[in-house]
Amino acid sequence: MELLATFYTHYGAVRFHKHCAREGTPSKMAPVPRELSASCGVCVRFEAAYAPVAAEHEDMDRCYAVTASGEYAPTEGQKHGHEKAE
């Protein structure tokens, strides 16, 4: 699934991008799409089987699933066991 994460700071986006590289997760940094609001203006687009829990990553604001039509659907994030975060 293609995901997009927004961050409160540029530093948080850089750290998450490096985290993805260490984990072997395909990712790239990009400008935040206009329809999404984020403090730093930089997001990370990445491929993953499930959405990360924002609280587990420094400065992550929100995570969105990129739909087939190119829209952004907010995710609640899931824990590694694939159950919904509460």
Protein backbone atom coordinates (compact mmCIF):
# COMPACT_ATOMS: atom_id res chain seq x y z
CA MET A 1 0.00 0.00 0.00
CA GLU A 2 1.26 3.47 -0.83
CA LEU A 3 1.33 5.80 2.16
CA LEU A 4 2.22 9.44 2.76
CA ALA A 5 3.35 10.77 6.14
CA THR A 6 3.40 14.43 7.16
CA PHE A 7 5.61 15.84 9.89
CA TYR A 8 5.77 18.80 12.26
CA THR A 9 9.44 19.42 11.39
CA HIS A 10 11.79 18.85 8.48
CA TYR A 11 14.11 16.99 10.86
CA GLY A 12 11.35 14.50 11.70
CA ALA A 13 10.76 13.83 8.00
CA VAL A 14 14.48 13.26 7.40
CA ARG A 15 14.68 10.87 10.37
CA PHE A 16 11.67 8.87 9.17
CA HIS A 17 13.07 8.70 5.63
CA LYS A 18 16.35 7.31 7.05
CA HIS A 19 14.35 4.87 9.20
CA CYS A 20 12.61 3.59 6.04
CA ALA A 21 16.01 3.14 4.33
CA ARG A 22 17.35 1.13 7.29
CA GLU A 23 14.24 -1.07 7.22
CA GLY A 24 14.44 -1.58 3.44
CA THR A 25 11.16 0.27 2.90
CA PRO A 26 10.97 2.09 -0.46
CA SER A 27 10.47 5.79 0.30
CA LYS A 28 11.10 9.29 -0.98
CA MET A 29 10.83 12.78 0.44
CA ALA A 30 8.50 15.16 -1.40
CA PRO A 31 6.63 18.44 -0.92
CA VAL A 32 3.36 18.07 1.00
CA PRO A 33 0.38 18.17 -1.41
CA ARG A 34 -1.58 21.44 -1.16
CA GLU A 35 -4.73 19.73 0.06
CA LEU A 36 -2.88 18.40 3.12
CA SER A 37 -1.70 20.74 5.82
CA ALA A 38 1.65 20.24 7.54
CA SER A 39 3.95 22.53 9.44
CA CYS A 40 7.21 21.77 7.67
CA GLY A 41 6.05 21.36 4.04
CA VAL A 42 7.91 18.07 3.53
CA CYS A 43 6.36 14.61 3.52
CA VAL A 44 7.62 11.06 3.03
CA ARG A 45 5.89 8.80 0.51
CA PHE A 46 6.53 5.11 1.16
CA GLU A 47 5.30 1.58 0.58
CA ALA A 48 4.23 -0.54 3.55
CA ALA A 49 1.83 -3.35 4.38
CA TYR A 50 0.24 -1.24 7.14
CA ALA A 51 0.23 2.37 8.33
CA PRO A 52 2.63 3.21 11.17
CA VAL A 53 1.40 4.63 14.46
CA ALA A 54 2.37 8.31 14.39
CA ALA A 55 3.25 8.33 18.11
CA GLU A 56 6.01 5.79 17.39
CA HIS A 57 7.88 8.21 15.08
CA GLU A 58 9.39 11.53 16.08
CA ASP A 59 7.46 14.53 14.80
CA MET A 60 5.05 12.53 12.59
CA ASP A 61 1.83 14.50 12.24
CA ARG A 62 -0.45 12.20 10.20
CA CYS A 63 -0.27 9.25 7.86
CA TYR A 64 -2.47 8.94 4.78
CA ALA A 65 -3.17 6.05 2.43
CA VAL A 66 -2.87 7.11 -1.22
CA THR A 67 -5.93 5.75 -3.02
CA ALA A 68 -5.97 4.41 -6.59
CA SER A 69 -7.57 7.70 -7.67
CA GLY A 70 -4.72 9.70 -6.09
CA GLU A 71 -6.71 10.94 -3.09
CA TYR A 72 -5.45 10.87 0.50
CA ALA A 73 -7.36 8.90 3.12
CA PRO A 74 -6.26 9.45 6.75
CA THR A 75 -5.20 6.26 8.50
CA GLU A 76 -5.49 5.46 12.16
CA GLY A 77 -2.22 3.55 12.04
CA GLN A 78 -1.76 -0.02 13.10
CA LYS A 79 0.57 -1.76 15.44
CA HIS A 80 2.96 -4.39 14.10
CA GLY A 81 0.40 -7.11 14.88
CA HIS A 82 -1.93 -5.42 12.36
CA GLU A 83 -4.56 -4.59 14.96
CA LYS A 84 -5.98 -1.08 15.05
CA ALA A 85 -4.36 1.37 17.42
CA GLU A 86 -6.56 2.61 20.24
